[in-house]
C-alpha atoms as a PDB file:
ATOM      1  CA  MET A   1      -5.974 -55.526 -44.761  1.00  0.00           C
ATOM      2  CA  THR A   2      -7.676 -55.286 -41.353  1.00  0.00           C
ATOM      3  CA  SER A   3      -8.905 -58.237 -39.306  1.00  0.00           C
ATOM      4  CA  PRO A   4     -11.974 -58.433 -37.053  1.00  0.00           C
ATOM      5  CA  THR A   5     -11.523 -57.838 -33.327  1.00  0.00           C
ATOM      6  CA  THR A   6     -13.084 -60.134 -30.767  1.00  0.00           C
ATOM      7  CA  HIS A   7     -14.395 -59.268 -27.315  1.00  0.00           C
ATOM      8  CA  ALA A   8     -15.574 -62.168 -25.048  1.00  0.00           C
ATOM      9  CA  GLY A   9     -16.032 -64.434 -28.027  1.00  0.00           C
ATOM     10  CA  ARG A  10     -17.991 -61.804 -29.948  1.00  0.00           C
ATOM     11  CA  THR A  11     -16.767 -60.423 -33.268  1.00  0.00           C
ATOM     12  CA  THR A  12     -17.173 -56.645 -33.401  1.00  0.00           C
ATOM     13  CA  GLY A  13     -15.859 -55.868 -36.874  1.00  0.00           C
ATOM     14  CA  PRO A  14     -12.564 -54.866 -38.491  1.00  0.00           C
ATOM     15  CA  ALA A  15      -9.935 -53.082 -36.380  1.00  0.00           C
ATOM     16  CA  THR A  16      -9.363 -49.473 -37.309  1.00  0.00           C
ATOM     17  CA  VAL A  17      -5.883 -48.018 -37.680  1.00  0.00           C
ATOM     18  CA  PRO A  18      -5.445 -44.243 -37.182  1.00  0.00           C
ATOM     19  CA  PRO A  19      -4.313 -42.487 -40.366  1.00  0.00           C
ATOM     20  CA  THR A  20      -0.738 -41.219 -40.582  1.00  0.00           C
ATOM     21  CA  TRP A  21      -1.723 -37.569 -40.131  1.00  0.00           C
ATOM     22  CA  SER A  22      -3.524 -38.441 -36.884  1.00  0.00           C
ATOM     23  CA  ARG A  23      -0.410 -40.139 -35.542  1.00  0.00           C
ATOM     24  CA  LEU A  24       1.714 -37.146 -36.514  1.00  0.00           C
ATOM     25  CA  VAL A  25      -0.624 -34.729 -34.727  1.00  0.00           C
ATOM     26  CA  THR A  26      -0.652 -36.854 -31.576  1.00  0.00           C
ATOM     27  CA  TYR A  27       3.127 -37.222 -31.604  1.00  0.00           C
ATOM     28  CA  ALA A  28       3.609 -33.466 -32.134  1.00  0.00           C
ATOM     29  CA  ARG A  29       1.183 -32.553 -29.328  1.00  0.00           C
ATOM     30  CA  LEU A  30       2.844 -34.834 -26.783  1.00  0.00           C
ATOM     31  CA  ASP A  31       6.366 -33.765 -27.744  1.00  0.00           C
ATOM     32  CA  LEU A  32       5.509 -30.056 -27.617  1.00  0.00           C
ATOM     33  CA  ARG A  33       3.909 -30.423 -24.193  1.00  0.00           C
ATOM     34  CA  ARG A  34       7.013 -32.183 -22.915  1.00  0.00           C
ATOM     35  CA  GLN A  35       9.297 -29.437 -24.243  1.00  0.00           C
ATOM     36  CA  LEU A  36       7.297 -26.590 -22.704  1.00  0.00           C
ATOM     37  CA  ARG A  37       7.143 -28.341 -19.318  1.00  0.00           C
ATOM     38  CA  ASP A  38      10.948 -28.409 -19.081  1.00  0.00           C
ATOM     39  CA  ARG A  39      11.079 -25.214 -17.019  1.00  0.00           C
ATOM     40  CA  LEU A  40      14.835 -25.113 -16.502  1.00  0.00           C
ATOM     41  CA  ALA A  41      15.590 -25.448 -20.220  1.00  0.00           C
ATOM     42  CA  MET A  42      12.946 -22.855 -21.082  1.00  0.00           C
ATOM     43  CA  PHE A  43      14.403 -20.435 -18.528  1.00  0.00           C
ATOM     44  CA  PHE A  44      17.855 -20.504 -20.133  1.00  0.00           C
ATOM     45  CA  THR A  45      16.469 -20.559 -23.667  1.00  0.00           C
ATOM     46  CA  VAL A  46      14.289 -17.514 -23.086  1.00  0.00           C
ATOM     47  CA  GLY A  47      16.091 -15.666 -20.287  1.00  0.00           C
ATOM     48  CA  LEU A  48      19.684 -15.664 -21.563  1.00  0.00           C
ATOM     49  CA  PRO A  49      19.147 -13.922 -24.928  1.00  0.00           C
ATOM     50  CA  ALA A  50      16.778 -11.430 -23.247  1.00  0.00           C
ATOM     51  CA  PHE A  51      19.461 -10.643 -20.670  1.00  0.00           C
ATOM     52  CA  MET A  52      22.058 -10.235 -23.421  1.00  0.00           C
ATOM     53  CA  TYR A  53      19.824  -7.738 -25.194  1.00  0.00           C
ATOM     54  CA  LEU A  54      19.519  -5.716 -21.985  1.00  0.00           C
ATOM     55  CA  VAL A  55      23.317  -5.739 -21.583  1.00  0.00           C
ATOM     56  CA  PHE A  56      24.269  -4.887 -25.184  1.00  0.00           C
ATOM     57  CA  GLY A  57      21.258  -3.027 -26.546  1.00  0.00           C
ATOM     58  CA  LEU A  58      19.599  -1.115 -23.739  1.00  0.00           C
ATOM     59  CA  GLY A  59      19.858   2.654 -24.230  1.00  0.00           C
ATOM     60  CA  SER A  60      21.791   2.463 -27.530  1.00  0.00           C
ATOM     61  CA  ASP A  61      20.057   5.186 -29.555  1.00  0.00           C
ATOM     62  CA  ASP A  62      22.636   5.782 -32.308  1.00  0.00           C
ATOM     63  CA  ALA A  63      21.122   5.569 -35.784  1.00  0.00           C
ATOM     64  CA  VAL A  64      21.404   2.319 -37.745  1.00  0.00           C
ATOM     65  CA  GLY A  65      19.578   2.113 -41.055  1.00  0.00           C
ATOM     66  CA  SER A  66      15.961   3.118 -40.515  1.00  0.00           C
ATOM     67  CA  GLY A  67      16.185   2.486 -36.760  1.00  0.00           C
ATOM     68  CA  ASN A  68      18.742   2.551 -33.983  1.00  0.00           C
ATOM     69  CA  VAL A  69      21.408   0.353 -32.401  1.00  0.00           C
ATOM     70  CA  SER A  70      18.915  -1.026 -29.884  1.00  0.00           C
ATOM     71  CA  ALA A  71      16.786  -2.386 -32.729  1.00  0.00           C
ATOM     72  CA  TYR A  72      19.886  -3.855 -34.405  1.00  0.00           C
ATOM     73  CA  VAL A  73      20.893  -5.648 -31.191  1.00  0.00           C
ATOM     74  CA  MET A  74      17.297  -6.695 -30.533  1.00  0.00           C
ATOM     75  CA  ILE A  75      17.068  -8.480 -33.883  1.00  0.00           C
ATOM     76  CA  SER A  76      20.472 -10.102 -33.374  1.00  0.00           C
ATOM     77  CA  MET A  77      19.617 -11.391 -29.890  1.00  0.00           C
ATOM     78  CA  ALA A  78      16.205 -12.592 -31.047  1.00  0.00           C
ATOM     79  CA  ALA A  79      17.937 -14.540 -33.811  1.00  0.00           C
ATOM     80  CA  TYR A  80      20.378 -16.029 -31.316  1.00  0.00           C
ATOM     81  CA  GLY A  81      17.536 -16.927 -28.938  1.00  0.00           C
ATOM     82  CA  ALA A  82      15.541 -18.537 -31.739  1.00  0.00           C
ATOM     83  CA  VAL A  83      18.362 -20.751 -32.973  1.00  0.00           C
ATOM     84  CA  SER A  84      19.305 -21.678 -29.404  1.00  0.00           C
ATOM     85  CA  ALA A  85      15.711 -22.722 -28.791  1.00  0.00           C
ATOM     86  CA  THR A  86      15.362 -24.728 -31.988  1.00  0.00           C
ATOM     87  CA  THR A  87      18.714 -26.455 -31.594  1.00  0.00           C
ATOM     88  CA  SER A  88      18.203 -27.391 -27.940  1.00  0.00           C
ATOM     89  CA  THR A  89      14.623 -28.501 -28.526  1.00  0.00           C
ATOM     90  CA  THR A  90      15.710 -31.091 -31.050  1.00  0.00           C
ATOM     91  CA  GLY A  91      18.028 -32.524 -28.386  1.00  0.00           C
ATOM     92  CA  SER A  92      15.137 -34.835 -27.571  1.00  0.00           C
ATOM     93  CA  ALA A  93      16.213 -36.842 -30.624  1.00  0.00           C
ATOM     94  CA  VAL A  94      19.157 -38.184 -28.617  1.00  0.00           C
ATOM     95  CA  THR A  95      16.949 -39.579 -25.888  1.00  0.00           C
ATOM     96  CA  GLU A  96      14.565 -41.055 -28.426  1.00  0.00           C
ATOM     97  CA  LEU A  97      17.379 -42.858 -30.233  1.00  0.00           C
ATOM     98  CA  VAL A  98      18.950 -44.166 -27.024  1.00  0.00           C
ATOM     99  CA  MET A  99      15.561 -45.510 -25.911  1.00  0.00           C
ATOM    100  CA  GLY A 100      15.001 -47.148 -29.285  1.00  0.00           C
ATOM    101  CA  TRP A 101      12.187 -44.812 -30.312  1.00  0.00           C
ATOM    102  CA  GLY A 102      13.545 -44.644 -33.855  1.00  0.00           C
ATOM    103  CA  ARG A 103      12.966 -48.373 -34.221  1.00  0.00           C
ATOM    104  CA  GLN A 104       9.438 -47.992 -32.879  1.00  0.00           C
ATOM    105  CA  LEU A 105       8.733 -45.400 -35.553  1.00  0.00           C
ATOM    106  CA  SER A 106      10.018 -47.822 -38.186  1.00  0.00           C
ATOM    107  CA  LEU A 107       6.972 -49.979 -37.417  1.00  0.00           C
ATOM    108  CA  THR A 108       4.649 -47.142 -38.469  1.00  0.00           C
ATOM    109  CA  PRO A 109       4.017 -45.438 -41.821  1.00  0.00           C
ATOM    110  CA  ILE A 110       5.815 -42.298 -40.556  1.00  0.00           C
ATOM    111  CA  ARG A 111       8.772 -41.601 -42.847  1.00  0.00           C
ATOM    112  CA  PRO A 112      12.184 -40.030 -41.969  1.00  0.00           C
ATOM    113  CA  LEU A 113      11.411 -36.781 -43.807  1.00  0.00           C
ATOM    114  CA  GLN A 114       8.139 -36.452 -41.884  1.00  0.00           C
ATOM    115  CA  VAL A 115      10.040 -36.793 -38.608  1.00  0.00           C
ATOM    116  CA  VAL A 116      12.458 -34.065 -39.689  1.00  0.00           C
ATOM    117  CA  VAL A 117       9.628 -31.684 -40.605  1.00  0.00           C
ATOM    118  CA  LEU A 118       7.736 -32.503 -37.399  1.00  0.00           C
ATOM    119  CA  LYS A 119      10.746 -31.825 -35.174  1.00  0.00           C
ATOM    120  CA  ALA A 120      11.401 -28.556 -36.990  1.00  0.00           C
ATOM    121  CA  GLY A 121       7.808 -27.439 -36.438  1.00  0.00           C
ATOM    122  CA  ILE A 122       7.911 -28.210 -32.720  1.00  0.00           C
ATOM    123  CA  ALA A 123      11.220 -26.415 -32.325  1.00  0.00           C
ATOM    124  CA  MET A 124       9.908 -23.344 -34.174  1.00  0.00           C
ATOM    125  CA  THR A 125       6.910 -23.194 -31.856  1.00  0.00           C
ATOM    126  CA  VAL A 126       9.265 -23.082 -28.872  1.00  0.00           C
ATOM    127  CA  ALA A 127      11.432 -20.478 -30.662  1.00  0.00           C
ATOM    128  CA  ALA A 128       8.481 -18.087 -30.861  1.00  0.00           C
ATOM    129  CA  VAL A 129       8.700 -17.596 -27.072  1.00  0.00           C
ATOM    130  CA  PRO A 130      12.132 -15.852 -26.886  1.00  0.00           C
ATOM    131  CA  ILE A 131      11.389 -13.879 -30.053  1.00  0.00           C
ATOM    132  CA  ALA A 132       8.160 -12.492 -28.610  1.00  0.00           C
ATOM    133  CA  LEU A 133       9.789 -11.668 -25.278  1.00  0.00           C
ATOM    134  CA  ILE A 134      12.832  -9.899 -26.751  1.00  0.00           C
ATOM    135  CA  TYR A 135      10.717  -7.849 -29.158  1.00  0.00           C
ATOM    136  CA  ALA A 136       8.389  -6.900 -26.301  1.00  0.00           C
ATOM    137  CA  ILE A 137      11.369  -5.754 -24.239  1.00  0.00           C
ATOM    138  CA  GLY A 138      12.634  -3.847 -27.275  1.00  0.00           C
ATOM    139  CA  VAL A 139       9.339  -1.987 -27.559  1.00  0.00           C
ATOM    140  CA  ALA A 140       9.486  -1.066 -23.873  1.00  0.00           C
ATOM    141  CA  THR A 141      13.130   0.045 -23.874  1.00  0.00           C
ATOM    142  CA  GLY A 142      13.393   2.325 -26.900  1.00  0.00           C
ATOM    143  CA  ALA A 143      14.256   0.122 -29.890  1.00  0.00           C
ATOM    144  CA  ARG A 144      13.220   2.136 -32.955  1.00  0.00           C
ATOM    145  CA  GLY A 145      12.374   1.143 -36.496  1.00  0.00           C
ATOM    146  CA  ASP A 146       9.628   1.263 -39.095  1.00  0.00           C
ATOM    147  CA  LEU A 147       6.671  -1.094 -38.793  1.00  0.00           C
ATOM    148  CA  GLY A 148       7.981  -2.993 -41.801  1.00  0.00           C
ATOM    149  CA  ASP A 149      11.344  -3.395 -40.082  1.00  0.00           C
ATOM    150  CA  TRP A 150       9.730  -4.979 -37.043  1.00  0.00           C
ATOM    151  CA  ALA A 151       7.332  -7.239 -38.914  1.00  0.00           C
ATOM    152  CA  GLY A 152       9.832  -8.275 -41.573  1.00  0.00           C
ATOM    153  CA  SER A 153      12.684  -9.007 -39.181  1.00  0.00           C
ATOM    154  CA  ALA A 154      10.442 -10.952 -36.770  1.00  0.00           C
ATOM    155  CA  ALA A 155       9.082 -13.095 -39.615  1.00  0.00           C
ATOM    156  CA  ILE A 156      12.585 -13.859 -40.904  1.00  0.00           C
ATOM    157  CA  VAL A 157      13.934 -14.620 -37.428  1.00  0.00           C
ATOM    158  CA  TRP A 158      11.092 -17.043 -36.758  1.00  0.00           C
ATOM    159  CA  GLY A 159      10.954 -18.670 -40.188  1.00  0.00           C
ATOM    160  CA  GLY A 160      14.721 -18.970 -40.528  1.00  0.00           C
ATOM    161  CA  SER A 161      15.004 -20.740 -37.185  1.00  0.00           C
ATOM    162  CA  ALA A 162      13.718 -23.883 -38.921  1.00  0.00           C
ATOM    163  CA  MET A 163      17.156 -24.271 -40.480  1.00  0.00           C
ATOM    164  CA  PHE A 164      18.716 -24.696 -37.040  1.00  0.00           C
ATOM    165  CA  ALA A 165      15.994 -27.035 -35.859  1.00  0.00           C
ATOM    166  CA  ILE A 166      17.126 -29.252 -38.721  1.00  0.00           C
ATOM    167  CA  TYR A 167      20.760 -28.623 -37.780  1.00  0.00           C
ATOM    168  CA  GLY A 168      20.125 -29.711 -34.196  1.00  0.00           C
ATOM    169  CA  LEU A 169      18.360 -32.853 -35.355  1.00  0.00           C
ATOM    170  CA  ALA A 170      21.226 -33.644 -37.737  1.00  0.00           C
ATOM    171  CA  VAL A 171      23.871 -33.383 -34.999  1.00  0.00           C
ATOM    172  CA  MET A 172      21.841 -35.368 -32.470  1.00  0.00           C
ATOM    173  CA  THR A 173      20.950 -38.213 -34.782  1.00  0.00           C
ATOM    174  CA  LEU A 174      24.380 -38.529 -36.379  1.00  0.00           C
ATOM    175  CA  PHE A 175      26.333 -38.636 -33.102  1.00  0.00           C
ATOM    176  CA  ARG A 176      23.639 -40.469 -31.082  1.00  0.00           C
ATOM    177  CA  THR A 177      25.316 -39.798 -27.726  1.00  0.00           C
ATOM    178  CA  GLN A 178      24.558 -37.472 -24.815  1.00  0.00           C
ATOM    179  CA  SER A 179      27.621 -35.410 -25.731  1.00  0.00           C
ATOM    180  CA  ALA A 180      25.859 -34.429 -28.968  1.00  0.00           C
ATOM    181  CA  ILE A 181      23.748 -31.965 -26.978  1.00  0.00           C
ATOM    182  CA  GLY A 182      26.900 -30.134 -25.884  1.00  0.00           C
ATOM    183  CA  VAL A 183      28.323 -30.248 -29.406  1.00  0.00           C
ATOM    184  CA  ALA A 184      25.193 -28.726 -30.931  1.00  0.00           C
ATOM    185  CA  SER A 185      24.738 -26.026 -28.279  1.00  0.00           C
ATOM    186  CA  GLY A 186      28.439 -25.124 -28.137  1.00  0.00           C
ATOM    187  CA  SER A 187      28.724 -24.862 -31.890  1.00  0.00           C
ATOM    188  CA  ILE A 188      25.850 -22.368 -31.949  1.00  0.00           C
ATOM    189  CA  VAL A 189      27.876 -20.018 -29.727  1.00  0.00           C
ATOM    190  CA  VAL A 190      30.876 -20.287 -32.077  1.00  0.00           C
ATOM    191  CA  MET A 191      28.632 -19.740 -35.106  1.00  0.00           C
ATOM    192  CA  ALA A 192      27.124 -16.665 -33.425  1.00  0.00           C
ATOM    193  CA  PHE A 193      30.563 -15.068 -33.053  1.00  0.00           C
ATOM    194  CA  LEU A 194      31.463 -15.897 -36.661  1.00  0.00           C
ATOM    195  CA  GLY A 195      27.987 -14.877 -37.790  1.00  0.00           C
ATOM    196  CA  ASN A 196      28.453 -11.232 -36.786  1.00  0.00           C
ATOM    197  CA  ILE A 197      25.837 -11.484 -34.012  1.00  0.00           C
ATOM    198  CA  PHE A 198      27.692 -10.695 -30.792  1.00  0.00           C
ATOM    199  CA  SER A 199      30.139  -8.093 -32.064  1.00  0.00           C
ATOM    200  CA  PRO A 200      30.704  -6.432 -35.471  1.00  0.00           C
ATOM    201  CA  MET A 201      33.500  -8.030 -37.501  1.00  0.00           C
ATOM    202  CA  SER A 202      35.676  -6.649 -40.261  1.00  0.00           C
ATOM    203  CA  GLY A 203      38.520  -7.701 -42.536  1.00  0.00           C
ATOM    204  CA  LEU A 204      39.424 -11.360 -42.880  1.00  0.00           C
ATOM    205  CA  MET A 205      37.116 -12.514 -40.066  1.00  0.00           C
ATOM    206  CA  LEU A 206      34.151 -10.905 -41.817  1.00  0.00           C
ATOM    207  CA  ASP A 207      35.093 -12.512 -45.125  1.00  0.00           C
ATOM    208  CA  LEU A 208      35.304 -15.936 -43.476  1.00  0.00           C
ATOM    209  CA  GLY A 209      32.148 -15.362 -41.455  1.00  0.00           C
ATOM    210  CA  ARG A 210      30.087 -14.845 -44.600  1.00  0.00           C
ATOM    211  CA  PHE A 211      30.406 -18.573 -45.315  1.00  0.00           C
ATOM    212  CA  THR A 212      29.144 -19.697 -41.889  1.00  0.00           C
ATOM    213  CA  PRO A 213      25.514 -20.767 -41.267  1.00  0.00           C
ATOM    214  CA  LEU A 214      24.465 -18.069 -38.802  1.00  0.00           C
ATOM    215  CA  TYR A 215      25.834 -15.192 -40.876  1.00  0.00           C
ATOM    216  CA  GLY A 216      23.288 -15.440 -43.657  1.00  0.00           C
ATOM    217  CA  TYR A 217      20.398 -16.002 -41.271  1.00  0.00           C
ATOM    218  CA  ALA A 218      21.244 -13.009 -39.044  1.00  0.00           C
ATOM    219  CA  ALA A 219      22.090 -10.743 -41.986  1.00  0.00           C
ATOM    220  CA  LEU A 220      18.799 -11.569 -43.677  1.00  0.00           C
ATOM    221  CA  ALA A 221      16.878 -10.916 -40.437  1.00  0.00           C
ATOM    222  CA  ARG A 222      18.490  -7.472 -40.108  1.00  0.00           C
ATOM    223  CA  TYR A 223      18.040  -6.602 -43.796  1.00  0.00           C
ATOM    224  CA  PRO A 224      14.672  -4.830 -43.355  1.00  0.00           C
ATOM    225  CA  LEU A 225      16.402  -2.500 -40.879  1.00  0.00           C
ATOM    226  CA  THR A 226      19.833  -2.058 -42.468  1.00  0.00           C
ATOM    227  CA  ASP A 227      19.342  -2.773 -46.214  1.00  0.00           C
ATOM    228  CA  GLY A 228      22.541  -4.801 -45.970  1.00  0.00           C
ATOM    229  CA  TRP A 229      24.818  -2.076 -44.596  1.00  0.00           C
ATOM    230  CA  LEU A 230      27.256  -3.306 -41.936  1.00  0.00           C
ATOM    231  CA  PRO A 231      28.504  -1.475 -38.814  1.00  0.00           C
ATOM    232  CA  SER A 232      32.010  -1.684 -40.290  1.00  0.00           C
ATOM    233  CA  GLY A 233      30.850   0.252 -43.351  1.00  0.00           C
ATOM    234  CA  GLY A 234      30.646  -2.655 -45.812  1.00  0.00           C
ATOM    235  CA  HIS A 235      27.545  -3.837 -47.624  1.00  0.00           C
ATOM    236  CA  ASP A 236      26.014  -7.250 -48.321  1.00  0.00           C
ATOM    237  CA  PRO A 237      23.857  -7.589 -51.437  1.00  0.00           C
ATOM    238  CA  LEU A 238      20.555  -9.352 -50.763  1.00  0.00           C
ATOM    239  CA  TRP A 239      21.498 -12.438 -52.765  1.00  0.00           C
ATOM    240  CA  LEU A 240      24.387 -13.223 -50.407  1.00  0.00           C
ATOM    241  CA  PRO A 241      22.413 -14.018 -47.214  1.00  0.00           C
ATOM    242  CA  ILE A 242      19.687 -15.720 -49.254  1.00  0.00           C
ATOM    243  CA  ALA A 243      22.223 -18.003 -50.952  1.00  0.00           C
ATOM    244  CA  ASN A 244      23.846 -18.708 -47.584  1.00  0.00           C
ATOM    245  CA  VAL A 245      20.544 -19.733 -45.987  1.00  0.00           C
ATOM    246  CA  ILE A 246      19.454 -21.918 -48.908  1.00  0.00           C
ATOM    247  CA  THR A 247      22.812 -23.699 -49.129  1.00  0.00           C
ATOM    248  CA  TRP A 248      23.047 -24.500 -45.418  1.00  0.00           C
ATOM    249  CA  THR A 249      19.399 -25.561 -45.235  1.00  0.00           C
ATOM    250  CA  ILE A 250      20.006 -28.120 -47.976  1.00  0.00           C
ATOM    251  CA  ILE A 251      23.154 -29.391 -46.235  1.00  0.00           C
ATOM    252  CA  PHE A 252      21.487 -29.671 -42.816  1.00  0.00           C
ATOM    253  CA  SER A 253      18.378 -31.342 -44.286  1.00  0.00           C
ATOM    254  CA  GLY A 254      20.448 -34.015 -46.007  1.00  0.00           C
ATOM    255  CA  LEU A 255      22.407 -34.754 -42.830  1.00  0.00           C
ATOM    256  CA  ALA A 256      19.221 -34.871 -40.735  1.00  0.00           C
ATOM    257  CA  VAL A 257      17.491 -37.342 -43.036  1.00  0.00           C
ATOM    258  CA  LEU A 258      20.626 -39.495 -43.035  1.00  0.00           C
ATOM    259  CA  GLY A 259      20.763 -39.420 -39.240  1.00  0.00           C
ATOM    260  CA  VAL A 260      17.091 -40.319 -38.791  1.00  0.00           C
ATOM    261  CA  ARG A 261      17.445 -43.238 -41.196  1.00  0.00           C
ATOM    262  CA  ARG A 262      20.452 -44.537 -39.268  1.00  0.00           C
ATOM    263  CA  GLY A 263      18.443 -44.343 -36.043  1.00  0.00           C
ATOM    264  CA  ARG A 264      15.712 -46.518 -37.525  1.00  0.00           C
ATOM    265  CA  GLU A 265      18.063 -49.281 -38.631  1.00  0.00           C
ATOM    266  CA  ARG A 266      18.031 -52.575 -36.776  1.00  0.00           C
ATOM    267  CA  VAL A 267      21.318 -53.823 -35.389  1.00  0.00           C
END
């Protein structure tokens, strides 16, 4: 129930409270602007994976699937850049918790799940920057593939990055310390090695890697190009990366919601 507001002894009518969607839009706009203005973080988020593509993929014209090695590396580096961007972007959750922002949100109708979705959306917007840059460099440097390969892989890279936005939020909110940023970013590098992104794996390491979060995401992103065939000669059926992505998304989402709820608790 709203109460009238008074100005200089004069009643002007009931106070209006912005609807929840309006608060979410305002919060998202301010947070996105803050992320994009962090020039140093954006430089490493965008520049590093682009540089890695130039090192590993430039001039590699051997055939892979319906394209070439350059396209294979391009998709892999775009995936790595996207998850790096989404994970690091959600690092703002640490600062918000330390400053007590989670308790401020508890005074509003905004729910924990809405915060999770909002953070994921902001992180995915930032992730579009390295994806666009790496694909543009790929076009200019001889990456080859069918139009469907390019469009399909780009869509999967971008859409799948939401899983790691949620992962970053889960780590930040559960640990609630500045060291959580290092934990989240460092673990992405380890996952990338196990996820068959930096160098092709085989044998036991490949079998173990199939159960790690980045494996399914990267394999699914490369599927339009490779149809599941691996550089080592093996093959992944389509259900395998899909099941991997769904399973880890559910796990990360549950941990993120738990972490956000803990941040809103009063002590």
